[in-house]
């Protein structure tokens, strides 16, 4: 690791893109983007620097962009290793993520489960466009699908059921990395549909920062009942100053 990258990890608030992101928080809440074009620039950077059809190179390109150009809100390389391990543990045929952003976690899930179909629900149409182009460039367009919508919008789950055949017990793996205050509600919607089965693995990012306290409290209360949960202590993406928690939960039925 270069000295410059190490310093950016240790002192993230000295980076302009971090400060711009902090002041652009309202844009992120409203649009799903930071408001300075970094998401579109990410897609262009992947296409320009990663060989077509190379998933590893696409992942590395996004990490490089986040370290060297503008920090991104995806799970990142440190927590990405936890995600990889959980996906391999689940060995899914069908995986669902809530929150595509620029397509980074979709790349990691697809790489860790080469036999899986991966679906991603993304509220922002602009983010969905970025993610689709990244996946297509990496050669995953036939295996990773982005649905523009939300779990709670009244139509997206119907689309998954009617157009893509989601049915009882179909989901082997779920990744939560969208708006933290709806983690629990959205997971419960999937449970109510009956789409989870005993052994389904659910990973939730950013439970420590910015935090999903309702979700964490629920998983603690349901420990050994409906869920078995491991809490992984880690750091917020692309830096080592702020600590974070990733929750890895197994559905018990």
C-alpha atoms as a PDB file:
ATOM      1  CA  UNK A   1       0.000   0.000   0.000  1.00  0.00           C
ATOM      2  CA  UNK A   2       1.328   3.441  -0.907  1.00  0.00           C
ATOM      3  CA  UNK A   3       2.043   6.023   1.789  1.00  0.00           C
ATOM      4  CA  UNK A   4      -0.592   8.318   0.303  1.00  0.00           C
ATOM      5  CA  UNK A   5      -3.261   5.642   0.473  1.00  0.00           C
ATOM      6  CA  UNK A   6      -2.304   4.727   4.030  1.00  0.00           C
ATOM      7  CA  UNK A   7      -2.638   8.373   5.078  1.00  0.00           C
ATOM      8  CA  UNK A   8      -6.018   8.660   3.366  1.00  0.00           C
ATOM      9  CA  UNK A   9      -7.196   5.603   5.319  1.00  0.00           C
ATOM     10  CA  UNK A  10      -5.955   6.969   8.641  1.00  0.00           C
ATOM     11  CA  UNK A  11      -7.067  10.574   8.123  1.00  0.00           C
ATOM     12  CA  UNK A  12     -10.147  10.387   5.862  1.00  0.00           C
ATOM     13  CA  UNK A  13     -11.495  13.797   6.828  1.00  0.00           C
ATOM     14  CA  UNK A  14      -8.522  15.455   5.151  1.00  0.00           C
ATOM     15  CA  UNK A  15      -9.886  14.273   1.808  1.00  0.00           C
ATOM     16  CA  UNK A  16     -11.992  16.722  -0.181  1.00  0.00           C
ATOM     17  CA  UNK A  17     -14.346  13.972  -1.354  1.00  0.00           C
ATOM     18  CA  UNK A  18     -15.128  13.027   2.264  1.00  0.00           C
ATOM     19  CA  UNK A  19     -15.868  16.639   3.196  1.00  0.00           C
ATOM     20  CA  UNK A  20     -17.918  17.083   0.034  1.00  0.00           C
ATOM     21  CA  UNK A  21     -19.831  13.930   0.907  1.00  0.00           C
ATOM     22  CA  UNK A  22     -20.527  15.185   4.423  1.00  0.00           C
ATOM     23  CA  UNK A  23     -21.938  18.461   3.103  1.00  0.00           C
ATOM     24  CA  UNK A  24     -23.771  16.573   0.364  1.00  0.00           C
ATOM     25  CA  UNK A  25     -25.657  14.392   2.803  1.00  0.00           C
ATOM     26  CA  UNK A  26     -29.004  15.876   1.845  1.00  0.00           C
ATOM     27  CA  UNK A  27     -28.353  15.076  -1.788  1.00  0.00           C
ATOM     28  CA  UNK A  28     -27.539  11.493  -0.847  1.00  0.00           C
ATOM     29  CA  UNK A  29     -30.753  11.111   1.128  1.00  0.00           C
ATOM     30  CA  UNK A  30     -32.826  12.640  -1.664  1.00  0.00           C
ATOM     31  CA  UNK A  31     -31.153  11.155  -4.739  1.00  0.00           C
ATOM     32  CA  UNK A  32     -28.905   8.323  -3.560  1.00  0.00           C
ATOM     33  CA  UNK A  33     -25.875  10.161  -4.954  1.00  0.00           C
ATOM     34  CA  UNK A  34     -23.346  12.544  -3.433  1.00  0.00           C
ATOM     35  CA  UNK A  35     -24.174  15.289  -5.902  1.00  0.00           C
ATOM     36  CA  UNK A  36     -20.726  15.813  -7.417  1.00  0.00           C
ATOM     37  CA  UNK A  37     -20.830  13.186 -10.156  1.00  0.00           C
ATOM     38  CA  UNK A  38     -18.585  10.635  -8.459  1.00  0.00           C
ATOM     39  CA  UNK A  39     -20.971   7.751  -9.161  1.00  0.00           C
ATOM     40  CA  UNK A  40     -21.023   8.359 -12.917  1.00  0.00           C
ATOM     41  CA  UNK A  41     -17.265   8.885 -12.809  1.00  0.00           C
ATOM     42  CA  UNK A  42     -16.916   5.487 -11.150  1.00  0.00           C
ATOM     43  CA  UNK A  43     -18.610   3.734 -14.080  1.00  0.00           C
ATOM     44  CA  UNK A  44     -16.416   5.610 -16.553  1.00  0.00           C
ATOM     45  CA  UNK A  45     -13.288   4.730 -14.569  1.00  0.00           C
ATOM     46  CA  UNK A  46     -14.148   1.012 -14.455  1.00  0.00           C
ATOM     47  CA  UNK A  47     -14.833   0.918 -18.190  1.00  0.00           C
ATOM     48  CA  UNK A  48     -11.621   2.822 -18.945  1.00  0.00           C
ATOM     49  CA  UNK A  49      -9.240   0.917 -16.650  1.00  0.00           C
ATOM     50  CA  UNK A  50     -10.575  -2.632 -16.149  1.00  0.00           C
ATOM     51  CA  UNK A  51     -10.401  -5.172 -18.989  1.00  0.00           C
ATOM     52  CA  UNK A  52     -13.854  -6.168 -20.223  1.00  0.00           C
ATOM     53  CA  UNK A  53     -15.130  -9.396 -18.716  1.00  0.00           C
ATOM     54  CA  UNK A  54     -12.773  -9.303 -15.720  1.00  0.00           C
ATOM     55  CA  UNK A  55     -14.724  -9.200 -12.441  1.00  0.00           C
ATOM     56  CA  UNK A  56     -11.603  -8.998 -10.279  1.00  0.00           C
ATOM     57  CA  UNK A  57     -10.356  -6.021 -12.265  1.00  0.00           C
ATOM     58  CA  UNK A  58     -13.715  -4.238 -11.963  1.00  0.00           C
ATOM     59  CA  UNK A  59     -13.686  -4.690  -8.184  1.00  0.00           C
ATOM     60  CA  UNK A  60     -10.103  -3.445  -7.971  1.00  0.00           C
ATOM     61  CA  UNK A  61     -10.926  -0.462 -10.164  1.00  0.00           C
ATOM     62  CA  UNK A  62     -13.751   0.631  -7.859  1.00  0.00           C
ATOM     63  CA  UNK A  63     -11.509   0.231  -4.811  1.00  0.00           C
ATOM     64  CA  UNK A  64      -8.786   2.267  -6.518  1.00  0.00           C
ATOM     65  CA  UNK A  65     -11.271   4.975  -7.450  1.00  0.00           C
ATOM     66  CA  UNK A  66     -12.531   5.158  -3.853  1.00  0.00           C
ATOM     67  CA  UNK A  67      -9.018   5.391  -2.423  1.00  0.00           C
ATOM     68  CA  UNK A  68      -7.377   7.633  -4.976  1.00  0.00           C
ATOM     69  CA  UNK A  69     -10.163   9.818  -6.377  1.00  0.00           C
ATOM     70  CA  UNK A  70     -13.504  10.043  -4.524  1.00  0.00           C
ATOM     71  CA  UNK A  71     -14.618   7.959  -1.571  1.00  0.00           C
ATOM     72  CA  UNK A  72     -17.706   5.833  -2.227  1.00  0.00           C
ATOM     73  CA  UNK A  73     -20.586   4.548  -0.093  1.00  0.00           C
ATOM     74  CA  UNK A  74     -20.215   0.890  -1.064  1.00  0.00           C
ATOM     75  CA  UNK A  75     -19.150  -1.842   1.366  1.00  0.00           C
ATOM     76  CA  UNK A  76     -15.459  -1.466   0.490  1.00  0.00           C
ATOM     77  CA  UNK A  77     -12.541  -3.847   0.515  1.00  0.00           C
ATOM     78  CA  UNK A  78     -12.189  -4.542   4.261  1.00  0.00           C
ATOM     79  CA  UNK A  79     -15.855  -5.332   4.876  1.00  0.00           C
ATOM     80  CA  UNK A  80     -16.026  -6.858   1.414  1.00  0.00           C
ATOM     81  CA  UNK A  81     -13.967  -9.786   2.687  1.00  0.00           C
ATOM     82  CA  UNK A  82     -16.640 -10.425   5.325  1.00  0.00           C
ATOM     83  CA  UNK A  83     -19.269 -10.278   2.606  1.00  0.00           C
ATOM     84  CA  UNK A  84     -17.311 -12.747   0.464  1.00  0.00           C
ATOM     85  CA  UNK A  85     -17.036 -15.237   3.329  1.00  0.00           C
ATOM     86  CA  UNK A  86     -20.734 -15.025   4.150  1.00  0.00           C
ATOM     87  CA  UNK A  87     -21.726 -15.532   0.508  1.00  0.00           C
ATOM     88  CA  UNK A  88     -19.499 -18.592   0.258  1.00  0.00           C
ATOM     89  CA  UNK A  89     -21.013 -19.914   3.481  1.00  0.00           C
ATOM     90  CA  UNK A  90     -24.506 -19.536   2.016  1.00  0.00           C
ATOM     91  CA  UNK A  91     -23.472 -20.998  -1.369  1.00  0.00           C
ATOM     92  CA  UNK A  92     -26.548 -19.377  -2.912  1.00  0.00           C
ATOM     93  CA  UNK A  93     -28.417 -20.210  -6.058  1.00  0.00           C
ATOM     94  CA  UNK A  94     -30.415 -16.993  -5.626  1.00  0.00           C
ATOM     95  CA  UNK A  95     -29.121 -13.861  -3.865  1.00  0.00           C
ATOM     96  CA  UNK A  96     -30.811 -10.511  -3.271  1.00  0.00           C
ATOM     97  CA  UNK A  97     -29.217  -7.232  -2.287  1.00  0.00           C
ATOM     98  CA  UNK A  98     -30.998  -4.071  -1.224  1.00  0.00           C
ATOM     99  CA  UNK A  99     -28.956  -1.123  -2.444  1.00  0.00           C
ATOM    100  CA  UNK A 100     -26.898  -1.470  -5.620  1.00  0.00           C
ATOM    101  CA  UNK A 101     -25.184   1.945  -5.524  1.00  0.00           C
ATOM    102  CA  UNK A 102     -22.368   1.648  -8.110  1.00  0.00           C
ATOM    103  CA  UNK A 103     -22.536  -2.137  -8.413  1.00  0.00           C
ATOM    104  CA  UNK A 104     -19.569  -3.006  -6.194  1.00  0.00           C
ATOM    105  CA  UNK A 105     -21.269  -5.431  -3.801  1.00  0.00           C
ATOM    106  CA  UNK A 106     -23.092  -7.048  -6.707  1.00  0.00           C
ATOM    107  CA  UNK A 107     -19.706  -7.779  -8.266  1.00  0.00           C
ATOM    108  CA  UNK A 108     -18.434  -9.321  -5.034  1.00  0.00           C
ATOM    109  CA  UNK A 109     -21.546 -11.455  -4.500  1.00  0.00           C
ATOM    110  CA  UNK A 110     -21.454 -12.729  -8.077  1.00  0.00           C
ATOM    111  CA  UNK A 111     -17.737 -13.526  -7.815  1.00  0.00           C
ATOM    112  CA  UNK A 112     -18.134 -15.389  -4.509  1.00  0.00           C
ATOM    113  CA  UNK A 113     -21.112 -17.389  -5.836  1.00  0.00           C
ATOM    114  CA  UNK A 114     -20.342 -18.108  -9.500  1.00  0.00           C
ATOM    115  CA  UNK A 115     -23.414 -20.295  -9.878  1.00  0.00           C
ATOM    116  CA  UNK A 116     -25.878 -17.783  -8.426  1.00  0.00           C
ATOM    117  CA  UNK A 117     -28.393 -15.419  -9.944  1.00  0.00           C
ATOM    118  CA  UNK A 118     -28.078 -12.059  -8.186  1.00  0.00           C
ATOM    119  CA  UNK A 119     -30.848  -9.467  -7.959  1.00  0.00           C
ATOM    120  CA  UNK A 120     -30.342  -5.949  -6.684  1.00  0.00           C
ATOM    121  CA  UNK A 121     -33.046  -3.459  -5.712  1.00  0.00           C
ATOM    122  CA  UNK A 122     -31.942   0.167  -6.106  1.00  0.00           C
ATOM    123  CA  UNK A 123     -34.102   3.232  -5.464  1.00  0.00           C
ATOM    124  CA  UNK A 124     -32.008   5.647  -7.544  1.00  0.00           C
ATOM    125  CA  UNK A 125     -32.438   5.310 -11.301  1.00  0.00           C
ATOM    126  CA  UNK A 126     -29.057   6.997 -11.821  1.00  0.00           C
ATOM    127  CA  UNK A 127     -27.338   4.504  -9.521  1.00  0.00           C
ATOM    128  CA  UNK A 128     -29.123   1.625 -11.231  1.00  0.00           C
ATOM    129  CA  UNK A 129     -27.753   2.834 -14.565  1.00  0.00           C
ATOM    130  CA  UNK A 130     -24.211   3.009 -13.180  1.00  0.00           C
ATOM    131  CA  UNK A 131     -24.454  -0.465 -11.642  1.00  0.00           C
ATOM    132  CA  UNK A 132     -25.831  -2.052 -14.814  1.00  0.00           C
ATOM    133  CA  UNK A 133     -23.005  -0.624 -16.927  1.00  0.00           C
ATOM    134  CA  UNK A 134     -20.386  -1.801 -14.423  1.00  0.00           C
ATOM    135  CA  UNK A 135     -21.853  -5.316 -14.354  1.00  0.00           C
ATOM    136  CA  UNK A 136     -22.136  -5.445 -18.137  1.00  0.00           C
ATOM    137  CA  UNK A 137     -18.506  -4.401 -18.525  1.00  0.00           C
ATOM    138  CA  UNK A 138     -17.468  -7.108 -16.057  1.00  0.00           C
ATOM    139  CA  UNK A 139     -19.368  -9.711 -18.077  1.00  0.00           C
ATOM    140  CA  UNK A 140     -22.160 -10.228 -15.551  1.00  0.00           C
ATOM    141  CA  UNK A 141     -25.164  -8.777 -17.383  1.00  0.00           C
ATOM    142  CA  UNK A 142     -26.710 -12.235 -17.764  1.00  0.00           C
ATOM    143  CA  UNK A 143     -26.394 -13.060 -14.067  1.00  0.00           C
ATOM    144  CA  UNK A 144     -26.857  -9.819 -12.097  1.00  0.00           C
ATOM    145  CA  UNK A 145     -30.150  -7.925 -12.463  1.00  0.00           C
ATOM    146  CA  UNK A 146     -31.011  -4.485 -11.078  1.00  0.00           C
ATOM    147  CA  UNK A 147     -34.614  -3.572 -10.291  1.00  0.00           C
ATOM    148  CA  UNK A 148     -35.237   0.161  -9.940  1.00  0.00           C
ATOM    149  CA  UNK A 149     -37.507   0.523  -6.915  1.00  0.00           C
ATOM    150  CA  UNK A 150     -37.773  -0.258  -3.201  1.00  0.00           C
ATOM    151  CA  UNK A 151     -38.982  -3.219  -1.173  1.00  0.00           C
ATOM    152  CA  UNK A 152     -41.750  -1.110   0.343  1.00  0.00           C
ATOM    153  CA  UNK A 153     -43.077   0.589  -2.801  1.00  0.00           C
ATOM    154  CA  UNK A 154     -45.882  -1.920  -3.364  1.00  0.00           C
ATOM    155  CA  UNK A 155     -44.718  -3.021  -6.812  1.00  0.00           C
ATOM    156  CA  UNK A 156     -41.090  -4.181  -6.720  1.00  0.00           C
ATOM    157  CA  UNK A 157     -41.751  -7.392  -4.783  1.00  0.00           C
ATOM    158  CA  UNK A 158     -44.614  -8.159  -7.153  1.00  0.00           C
ATOM    159  CA  UNK A 159     -42.228  -7.744 -10.094  1.00  0.00           C
ATOM    160  CA  UNK A 160     -39.787 -10.179  -8.495  1.00  0.00           C
ATOM    161  CA  UNK A 161     -42.562 -12.703  -7.919  1.00  0.00           C
ATOM    162  CA  UNK A 162     -44.421 -12.387 -11.210  1.00  0.00           C
ATOM    163  CA  UNK A 163     -41.596 -11.684 -13.656  1.00  0.00           C
ATOM    164  CA  UNK A 164     -38.650 -13.448 -12.045  1.00  0.00           C
ATOM    165  CA  UNK A 165     -40.281 -16.334 -10.214  1.00  0.00           C
ATOM    166  CA  UNK A 166     -39.445 -15.455  -6.610  1.00  0.00           C
ATOM    167  CA  UNK A 167     -41.380 -17.901  -4.488  1.00  0.00           C
ATOM    168  CA  UNK A 168     -41.486 -19.572  -1.074  1.00  0.00           C
ATOM    169  CA  UNK A 169     -38.041 -20.377   0.308  1.00  0.00           C
ATOM    170  CA  UNK A 170     -36.244 -19.087  -2.788  1.00  0.00           C
ATOM    171  CA  UNK A 171     -33.655 -16.798  -1.186  1.00  0.00           C
ATOM    172  CA  UNK A 172     -30.382 -18.255   0.027  1.00  0.00           C
ATOM    173  CA  UNK A 173     -28.596 -14.965   0.673  1.00  0.00           C
ATOM    174  CA  UNK A 174     -29.618 -11.350   1.348  1.00  0.00           C
ATOM    175  CA  UNK A 175     -27.380  -8.286   1.640  1.00  0.00           C
ATOM    176  CA  UNK A 176     -28.714  -5.098   3.264  1.00  0.00           C
ATOM    177  CA  UNK A 177     -26.850  -1.928   2.319  1.00  0.00           C
ATOM    178  CA  UNK A 178     -29.500   0.693   1.598  1.00  0.00           C
ATOM    179  CA  UNK A 179     -31.246   3.108   3.983  1.00  0.00           C
ATOM    180  CA  UNK A 180     -30.401   1.958   7.502  1.00  0.00           C
ATOM    181  CA  UNK A 181     -33.693   2.982   9.098  1.00  0.00           C
ATOM    182  CA  UNK A 182     -35.632   0.502   6.928  1.00  0.00           C
ATOM    183  CA  UNK A 183     -33.353  -2.525   7.332  1.00  0.00           C
ATOM    184  CA  UNK A 184     -35.706  -4.242   9.766  1.00  0.00           C
ATOM    185  CA  UNK A 185     -38.929  -3.322   7.974  1.00  0.00           C
ATOM    186  CA  UNK A 186     -37.605  -4.454   4.594  1.00  0.00           C
ATOM    187  CA  UNK A 187     -36.206  -7.707   5.933  1.00  0.00           C
ATOM    188  CA  UNK A 188     -39.543  -8.416   7.590  1.00  0.00           C
ATOM    189  CA  UNK A 189     -41.293  -7.883   4.254  1.00  0.00           C
ATOM    190  CA  UNK A 190     -39.124 -10.616   2.753  1.00  0.00           C
ATOM    191  CA  UNK A 191     -39.835 -12.902   5.709  1.00  0.00           C
ATOM    192  CA  UNK A 192     -43.575 -12.221   5.425  1.00  0.00           C
ATOM    193  CA  UNK A 193     -43.441 -13.253   1.784  1.00  0.00           C
ATOM    194  CA  UNK A 194     -41.986 -16.577   2.874  1.00  0.00           C
ATOM    195  CA  UNK A 195     -38.969 -16.095   0.599  1.00  0.00           C
ATOM    196  CA  UNK A 196     -36.418 -17.039   3.271  1.00  0.00           C
ATOM    197  CA  UNK A 197     -35.770 -20.598   4.409  1.00  0.00           C
ATOM    198  CA  UNK A 198     -33.923 -22.074   7.406  1.00  0.00           C
ATOM    199  CA  UNK A 199     -30.271 -21.459   6.637  1.00  0.00           C
ATOM    200  CA  UNK A 200     -30.727 -18.265   4.604  1.00  0.00           C
ATOM    201  CA  UNK A 201     -27.847 -15.901   5.405  1.00  0.00           C
ATOM    202  CA  UNK A 202     -28.500 -12.161   5.781  1.00  0.00           C
ATOM    203  CA  UNK A 203     -25.616  -9.689   5.963  1.00  0.00           C
ATOM    204  CA  UNK A 204     -26.222  -6.082   7.058  1.00  0.00           C
ATOM    205  CA  UNK A 205     -23.624  -3.343   6.494  1.00  0.00           C
ATOM    206  CA  UNK A 206     -23.182  -0.107   8.474  1.00  0.00           C
ATOM    207  CA  UNK A 207     -25.003  -1.364  11.557  1.00  0.00           C
ATOM    208  CA  UNK A 208     -22.456   0.479  13.700  1.00  0.00           C
ATOM    209  CA  UNK A 209     -22.040   3.623  11.576  1.00  0.00           C
ATOM    210  CA  UNK A 210     -24.129   5.442  10.582  1.00  0.00           C
ATOM    211  CA  UNK A 211     -26.058   2.791  12.490  1.00  0.00           C
ATOM    212  CA  UNK A 212     -29.155   0.597  12.355  1.00  0.00           C
ATOM    213  CA  UNK A 213     -30.077   0.379  16.064  1.00  0.00           C
ATOM    214  CA  UNK A 214     -33.562  -1.103  15.571  1.00  0.00           C
ATOM    215  CA  UNK A 215     -32.162  -3.839  13.387  1.00  0.00           C
ATOM    216  CA  UNK A 216     -29.359  -4.651  15.813  1.00  0.00           C
ATOM    217  CA  UNK A 217     -31.718  -4.707  18.797  1.00  0.00           C
ATOM    218  CA  UNK A 218     -34.089  -7.047  16.946  1.00  0.00           C
ATOM    219  CA  UNK A 219     -31.314  -9.478  16.052  1.00  0.00           C
ATOM    220  CA  UNK A 220     -30.158  -9.496  19.677  1.00  0.00           C
ATOM    221  CA  UNK A 221     -33.707 -10.143  20.924  1.00  0.00           C
ATOM    222  CA  UNK A 222     -34.216 -12.946  18.382  1.00  0.00           C
ATOM    223  CA  UNK A 223     -30.878 -14.643  19.087  1.00  0.00           C
ATOM    224  CA  UNK A 224     -31.456 -18.392  19.148  1.00  0.00           C
ATOM    225  CA  UNK A 225     -35.151 -17.936  18.319  1.00  0.00           C
ATOM    226  CA  UNK A 226     -35.676 -16.931  14.700  1.00  0.00           C
ATOM    227  CA  UNK A 227     -32.108 -15.787  14.037  1.00  0.00           C
ATOM    228  CA  UNK A 228     -28.535 -16.653  14.927  1.00  0.00           C
ATOM    229  CA  UNK A 229     -26.273 -13.609  14.542  1.00  0.00           C
ATOM    230  CA  UNK A 230     -22.561 -12.885  14.538  1.00  0.00           C
ATOM    231  CA  UNK A 231     -21.392  -9.279  14.957  1.00  0.00           C
ATOM    232  CA  UNK A 232     -18.200  -8.434  13.062  1.00  0.00           C
ATOM    233  CA  UNK A 233     -16.252  -5.444  14.332  1.00  0.00           C
ATOM    234  CA  UNK A 234     -14.700  -3.579  11.429  1.00  0.00           C
ATOM    235  CA  UNK A 235     -14.309  -0.069   9.965  1.00  0.00           C
ATOM    236  CA  UNK A 236     -16.349   2.234   7.785  1.00  0.00           C
ATOM    237  CA  UNK A 237     -15.365   1.755   4.155  1.00  0.00           C
ATOM    238  CA  UNK A 238     -12.002   2.982   2.852  1.00  0.00           C
ATOM    239  CA  UNK A 239     -10.668   4.339   6.158  1.00  0.00           C
ATOM    240  CA  UNK A 240      -9.549   3.168   9.589  1.00  0.00           C
ATOM    241  CA  UNK A 241     -10.702   6.037  11.811  1.00  0.00           C
ATOM    242  CA  UNK A 242     -14.407   5.225  12.172  1.00  0.00           C
ATOM    243  CA  UNK A 243     -15.455   1.824  13.484  1.00  0.00           C
ATOM    244  CA  UNK A 244     -18.407  -0.097  12.113  1.00  0.00           C
ATOM    245  CA  UNK A 245     -20.338  -3.326  12.624  1.00  0.00           C
ATOM    246  CA  UNK A 246     -21.389  -5.883  10.035  1.00  0.00           C
ATOM    247  CA  UNK A 247     -24.066  -8.319  11.183  1.00  0.00           C
ATOM    248  CA  UNK A 248     -24.172 -11.807   9.689  1.00  0.00           C
ATOM    249  CA  UNK A 249     -27.430 -13.550  10.561  1.00  0.00           C
ATOM    250  CA  UNK A 250     -28.725 -17.041   9.812  1.00  0.00           C
ATOM    251  CA  UNK A 251     -32.488 -17.486   9.569  1.00  0.00           C
ATOM    252  CA  UNK A 252     -33.666 -20.316  11.800  1.00  0.00           C
ATOM    253  CA  UNK A 253     -37.230 -20.364  10.545  1.00  0.00           C
END
